[in-house]
Amino acid sequence: MTDTTQHALWNGPAGDAWVQAQPVLDDMFAPFAEYLAQGVPPGSPWKVLDVGCGTGAVSLAIAARLGAGGHCTGLDISAAMIAMARKRARSTAHPVEFIAADAQRHAFAPAAVDHVVSRFGVMFFDDPVQAFTGLRVATRSGGTLHALAWRAPDENAFMTTAERAAAPLLALPPRSADGPGQFAFADRQRVLDILADSGWRDIEVTAVDQVCSIRTADLQRYVSLLGPVGGMLRDPRIDAALRAQVLQVVVEAFAPFVQGDRVAFGAACWALRAVAP
């Protein structure tokens, strides 16, 4: 596989962190796994492709709904996350498989897929038109796309709380407005243009707002592993005293989201829907 920046990122400490955080992330994003799975009719014989499947929560939820002839393939650039997804799949009898590959460059069989889904994976393409063109070619005529992406940072206060709180203490890398990255699809018109330029039709990009939560007991683990702050805290060059100080400051900054034993927040997203011609 080509050693792109994204490949290096997700096959290094970032991918390992997501594996470690798998139970927390599955808890946090469970409503979105259910939301995407509900788009697949129960007992369906569809062939489904889950792009950026991570450790497999969405793929497994979809595979549990499929009927005879149905199959879900989860694909992710991170070998570590795919290994975790395969481990989870072994305890089920669901029609699912997982492939470690870059969806932007993978040679999909033409017209082999009925339905493409993605939960927060498509924002990380370095060439999204190329990527969505490949996914459209892989989808049969009349097949569908249903993906989720984050809206703007100022609509997702929870997702930026850690870096805002840690900014006086850490030299955090700046976020790129156009990505690849978490908020690369914040601009709705840009997303519409990407899908149109990729050859999809009947394109819809609509707002979806969902309340998500994690256990309050998991908040420090979440902060220490994920996002720009988690990335810096995993750096062995950060001394223990500074790490402890950052964790304390950041965890305290999440106080407005704490509701007893849960930390709850509103996730502001775009739902991308389109049809292959």
Protein backbone atom coordinates (compact mmCIF):
# COMPACT_ATOMS: atom_id res chain seq x y z
CA MET A 1 0.00 0.00 0.00
CA THR A 2 1.16 3.52 -0.74
CA ASP A 3 2.59 5.11 2.39
CA THR A 4 0.46 8.26 2.30
CA THR A 5 0.26 10.64 5.26
CA GLN A 6 -3.09 9.11 6.28
CA HIS A 7 -1.64 5.60 6.01
CA ALA A 8 1.25 6.56 8.27
CA LEU A 9 -1.08 8.29 10.74
CA TRP A 10 -3.58 5.47 11.14
CA ASN A 11 -0.96 2.73 11.15
CA GLY A 12 0.96 4.43 13.94
CA PRO A 13 0.05 5.64 17.42
CA ALA A 14 -3.29 7.12 16.27
CA GLY A 15 -4.58 3.76 15.08
CA ASP A 16 -3.35 2.07 18.25
CA ALA A 17 -5.12 4.73 20.35
CA TRP A 18 -8.42 4.10 18.57
CA VAL A 19 -8.07 0.37 19.28
CA GLN A 20 -7.46 1.11 22.96
CA ALA A 21 -10.46 3.46 23.01
CA GLN A 22 -12.77 1.06 21.14
CA PRO A 23 -15.26 0.48 24.00
CA VAL A 24 -15.48 4.23 24.70
CA LEU A 25 -15.97 5.13 21.04
CA ASP A 26 -18.55 2.40 20.49
CA ASP A 27 -20.47 3.77 23.47
CA MET A 28 -20.15 7.36 22.24
CA PHE A 29 -21.21 6.71 18.67
CA ALA A 30 -23.74 3.92 19.24
CA PRO A 31 -26.64 6.14 18.06
CA PHE A 32 -24.90 6.65 14.72
CA ALA A 33 -24.20 2.94 14.27
CA GLU A 34 -27.91 2.32 14.77
CA TYR A 35 -28.81 5.21 12.45
CA LEU A 36 -26.73 3.81 9.58
CA ALA A 37 -27.85 0.25 10.21
CA GLN A 38 -31.50 1.32 10.06
CA GLY A 39 -30.87 2.35 6.45
CA VAL A 40 -30.48 -1.32 5.53
CA PRO A 41 -33.80 -3.21 5.29
CA PRO A 42 -34.06 -6.18 7.69
CA GLY A 43 -33.40 -9.46 5.88
CA SER A 44 -31.88 -7.62 2.95
CA PRO A 45 -29.64 -9.50 0.47
CA TRP A 46 -27.60 -6.32 -0.08
CA LYS A 47 -23.86 -6.22 -0.49
CA VAL A 48 -22.79 -3.35 1.79
CA LEU A 49 -19.44 -1.56 1.95
CA ASP A 50 -18.52 0.25 5.18
CA VAL A 51 -15.79 2.83 4.43
CA GLY A 52 -13.46 3.77 7.26
CA CYS A 53 -14.99 1.01 9.36
CA GLY A 54 -12.54 1.37 12.24
CA THR A 55 -12.96 -1.45 14.75
CA GLY A 56 -16.14 -2.65 13.08
CA ALA A 57 -19.15 -1.42 15.09
CA VAL A 58 -21.16 -0.20 12.09
CA SER A 59 -20.26 -3.20 9.91
CA LEU A 60 -21.33 -5.62 12.63
CA ALA A 61 -24.59 -3.75 13.24
CA ILE A 62 -25.40 -3.85 9.53
CA ALA A 63 -24.37 -7.48 9.09
CA ALA A 64 -26.76 -8.46 11.90
CA ARG A 65 -29.66 -7.11 9.80
CA LEU A 66 -28.76 -8.84 6.53
CA GLY A 67 -30.58 -11.86 5.15
CA ALA A 68 -29.65 -14.69 2.82
CA GLY A 69 -27.15 -13.53 0.22
CA GLY A 70 -26.37 -10.35 2.11
CA HIS A 71 -22.83 -9.43 3.05
CA CYS A 72 -21.03 -6.48 4.64
CA THR A 73 -17.41 -5.60 3.94
CA GLY A 74 -15.68 -3.23 6.32
CA LEU A 75 -12.64 -1.45 4.94
CA ASP A 76 -10.16 0.73 6.81
CA ILE A 77 -6.66 2.03 6.23
CA SER A 78 -5.61 1.03 9.77
CA ALA A 79 -4.30 -2.53 10.07
CA ALA A 80 -4.59 -2.37 13.86
CA MET A 81 -8.26 -1.40 13.75
CA ILE A 82 -9.01 -4.08 11.15
CA ALA A 83 -7.33 -6.68 13.36
CA MET A 84 -9.62 -5.64 16.21
CA ALA A 85 -12.67 -5.74 13.92
CA ARG A 86 -11.78 -9.27 12.75
CA LYS A 87 -11.37 -10.39 16.34
CA ARG A 88 -14.83 -9.06 17.19
CA ALA A 89 -16.36 -10.69 14.11
CA ARG A 90 -15.07 -14.13 15.09
CA SER A 91 -17.55 -14.24 17.97
CA THR A 92 -20.51 -13.78 15.60
CA ALA A 93 -22.03 -15.69 12.72
CA HIS A 94 -22.81 -12.53 10.80
CA PRO A 95 -21.95 -12.25 7.07
CA VAL A 96 -19.09 -9.78 7.46
CA GLU A 97 -15.45 -9.47 6.51
CA PHE A 98 -12.83 -6.80 7.10
CA ILE A 99 -10.12 -5.57 4.74
CA ALA A 100 -7.12 -3.39 5.55
CA ALA A 101 -6.91 -1.03 2.56
CA ASP A 102 -7.07 2.61 1.51
CA ALA A 103 -10.57 3.21 0.12
CA GLN A 104 -9.23 6.06 -2.02
CA ARG A 105 -6.85 3.75 -3.89
CA HIS A 106 -8.36 0.28 -3.52
CA ALA A 107 -9.24 -1.55 -6.74
CA PHE A 108 -12.89 -2.33 -6.08
CA ALA A 109 -14.75 -4.69 -8.40
CA PRO A 110 -17.08 -2.58 -10.58
CA ALA A 111 -20.80 -2.52 -9.73
CA ALA A 112 -20.32 -5.06 -6.91
CA VAL A 113 -21.88 -3.05 -4.07
CA ASP A 114 -25.53 -2.20 -3.38
CA HIS A 115 -24.99 0.28 -0.57
CA VAL A 116 -22.02 2.28 0.75
CA VAL A 117 -21.95 3.60 4.31
CA SER A 118 -19.43 5.51 6.38
CA ARG A 119 -19.50 6.79 9.94
CA PHE A 120 -17.01 9.67 10.05
CA GLY A 121 -14.53 8.10 7.64
CA VAL A 122 -14.91 10.06 4.42
CA MET A 123 -13.44 13.33 5.76
CA PHE A 124 -9.96 11.80 5.77
CA PHE A 125 -9.53 11.38 2.00
CA ASP A 126 -6.67 13.52 0.68
CA ASP A 127 -8.38 13.48 -2.75
CA PRO A 128 -12.10 13.11 -2.01
CA VAL A 129 -13.20 13.34 -5.66
CA GLN A 130 -10.93 10.44 -6.56
CA ALA A 131 -12.19 8.49 -3.56
CA PHE A 132 -15.90 9.05 -4.20
CA THR A 133 -15.41 8.31 -7.90
CA GLY A 134 -13.95 4.94 -6.98
CA LEU A 135 -16.81 4.24 -4.60
CA ARG A 136 -19.34 5.21 -7.26
CA VAL A 137 -17.71 2.83 -9.77
CA ALA A 138 -17.87 0.08 -7.14
CA THR A 139 -21.61 0.66 -6.68
CA ARG A 140 -24.19 -0.85 -9.02
CA SER A 141 -26.49 1.46 -10.99
CA GLY A 142 -29.20 2.53 -8.57
CA GLY A 143 -27.09 1.62 -5.57
CA THR A 144 -26.87 4.11 -2.73
CA LEU A 145 -24.45 6.06 -0.56
CA HIS A 146 -25.19 7.02 3.05
CA ALA A 147 -22.33 8.64 4.97
CA LEU A 148 -21.92 10.83 8.02
CA ALA A 149 -19.47 13.71 8.40
CA TRP A 150 -19.01 16.41 11.03
CA ARG A 151 -20.35 19.91 10.53
CA ALA A 152 -18.33 22.97 11.60
CA PRO A 153 -16.18 23.11 14.76
CA ASP A 154 -18.26 25.96 16.19
CA GLU A 155 -21.30 23.64 16.06
CA ASN A 156 -19.41 20.87 17.87
CA ALA A 157 -18.18 22.41 21.10
CA PHE A 158 -17.54 19.04 22.74
CA MET A 159 -15.15 18.01 19.98
CA THR A 160 -13.03 21.14 20.39
CA THR A 161 -13.16 21.53 24.19
CA ALA A 162 -9.94 19.61 24.84
CA GLU A 163 -7.79 21.60 22.44
CA ARG A 164 -9.23 24.94 23.56
CA ALA A 165 -8.51 24.08 27.19
CA ALA A 166 -5.03 22.72 26.47
CA ALA A 167 -3.95 25.51 24.10
CA PRO A 168 -2.21 27.60 26.83
CA LEU A 169 -0.16 24.55 27.84
CA LEU A 170 0.58 22.74 24.57
CA ALA A 171 1.72 23.85 21.11
CA LEU A 172 -1.07 22.04 19.29
CA PRO A 173 -0.91 21.58 15.51
CA PRO A 174 -3.42 23.78 13.65
CA ARG A 175 -6.41 22.12 12.01
CA SER A 176 -6.67 22.41 8.24
CA ALA A 177 -10.01 23.82 7.10
CA ASP A 178 -10.19 21.58 4.01
CA GLY A 179 -8.56 18.55 5.58
CA PRO A 180 -8.10 15.75 5.43
CA GLY A 181 -9.39 15.75 8.98
CA GLN A 182 -12.39 15.72 11.26
CA PHE A 183 -13.98 18.94 9.97
CA ALA A 184 -12.92 18.70 6.32
CA PHE A 185 -16.58 18.37 5.22
CA ALA A 186 -17.93 21.22 7.33
CA ASP A 187 -18.78 23.27 4.21
CA ARG A 188 -22.00 21.81 2.81
CA GLN A 189 -21.51 23.28 -0.68
CA ARG A 190 -18.04 21.74 -0.87
CA VAL A 191 -19.51 18.34 -0.08
CA LEU A 192 -22.23 18.76 -2.70
CA ASP A 193 -19.58 19.70 -5.28
CA ILE A 194 -17.37 16.73 -4.37
CA LEU A 195 -20.21 14.25 -4.82
CA ALA A 196 -21.34 15.87 -8.08
CA ASP A 197 -17.79 15.91 -9.45
CA SER A 198 -17.50 12.22 -8.50
CA GLY A 199 -20.46 11.31 -10.72
CA TRP A 200 -23.14 10.61 -8.10
CA ARG A 201 -26.74 11.75 -8.68
CA ASP A 202 -29.77 12.59 -6.50
CA ILE A 203 -27.37 14.12 -4.00
CA GLU A 204 -28.61 15.24 -0.59
CA VAL A 205 -26.55 16.74 2.23
CA THR A 206 -28.78 17.32 5.24
CA ALA A 207 -28.17 18.23 8.86
CA VAL A 208 -28.36 15.50 11.49
CA ASP A 209 -28.15 16.31 15.21
CA GLN A 210 -27.74 13.50 17.70
CA VAL A 211 -27.13 13.38 21.44
CA CYS A 212 -24.13 11.17 22.21
CA SER A 213 -22.57 10.27 25.54
CA ILE A 214 -19.89 8.33 27.36
CA ARG A 215 -19.49 7.29 30.97
CA THR A 216 -18.06 10.04 33.14
CA ALA A 217 -15.55 7.45 34.34
CA ASP A 218 -14.23 7.17 30.76
CA LEU A 219 -13.68 10.89 30.18
CA GLN A 220 -10.01 10.97 31.19
CA ARG A 221 -9.30 7.94 29.01
CA TYR A 222 -11.02 9.62 26.08
CA VAL A 223 -9.04 12.84 26.53
CA SER A 224 -5.71 11.08 26.98
CA LEU A 225 -6.04 8.97 23.82
CA LEU A 226 -7.98 10.87 21.16
CA GLY A 227 -7.90 14.10 19.17
CA PRO A 228 -5.04 16.59 18.89
CA VAL A 229 -4.58 16.70 22.67
CA GLY A 230 -4.54 12.93 23.00
CA GLY A 231 -1.99 12.76 20.21
CA MET A 232 0.37 15.08 22.06
CA LEU A 233 -0.17 13.39 25.42
CA ARG A 234 0.88 10.06 23.89
CA ASP A 235 4.22 11.64 22.89
CA PRO A 236 6.87 10.20 25.23
CA ARG A 237 8.68 13.56 25.12
CA ILE A 238 5.88 15.13 27.19
CA ASP A 239 7.01 14.99 30.81
CA ALA A 240 4.76 13.42 33.42
CA ALA A 241 4.10 16.66 35.32
CA LEU A 242 2.93 18.52 32.21
CA ARG A 243 0.83 15.56 31.14
CA ALA A 244 -0.90 15.47 34.52
CA GLN A 245 -1.48 19.24 34.44
CA VAL A 246 -2.99 19.11 30.94
CA LEU A 247 -5.26 16.21 31.85
CA GLN A 248 -6.54 18.00 34.93
CA VAL A 249 -7.22 21.25 33.07
CA VAL A 250 -8.88 19.51 30.13
CA VAL A 251 -11.07 17.17 32.17
CA GLU A 252 -12.28 20.14 34.23
CA ALA A 253 -13.16 21.97 30.99
CA PHE A 254 -15.71 19.25 30.19
CA ALA A 255 -17.71 20.03 33.34
CA PRO A 256 -20.60 21.66 31.38
CA PHE A 257 -21.20 18.33 29.61
CA VAL A 258 -21.26 16.15 32.74
CA GLN A 259 -24.68 14.83 33.70
CA GLY A 260 -24.15 12.54 36.66
CA ASP A 261 -22.48 9.35 35.51
CA ARG A 262 -22.64 10.34 31.83
CA VAL A 263 -20.93 13.01 29.73
CA ALA A 264 -23.45 14.04 27.07
CA PHE A 265 -23.14 16.32 24.07
CA GLY A 266 -24.86 17.24 20.84
CA ALA A 267 -23.14 15.94 17.70
CA ALA A 268 -23.77 18.21 14.70
CA CYS A 269 -23.29 16.27 11.46
CA TRP A 270 -24.10 16.10 7.79
CA ALA A 271 -25.83 13.06 6.31
CA LEU A 272 -24.61 12.48 2.76
CA ARG A 273 -26.97 10.56 0.49
CA ALA A 274 -26.57 9.87 -3.20
CA VAL A 275 -27.38 7.33 -5.92
CA ALA A 276 -25.02 5.71 -8.42
CA PRO A 277 -26.16 6.39 -12.03
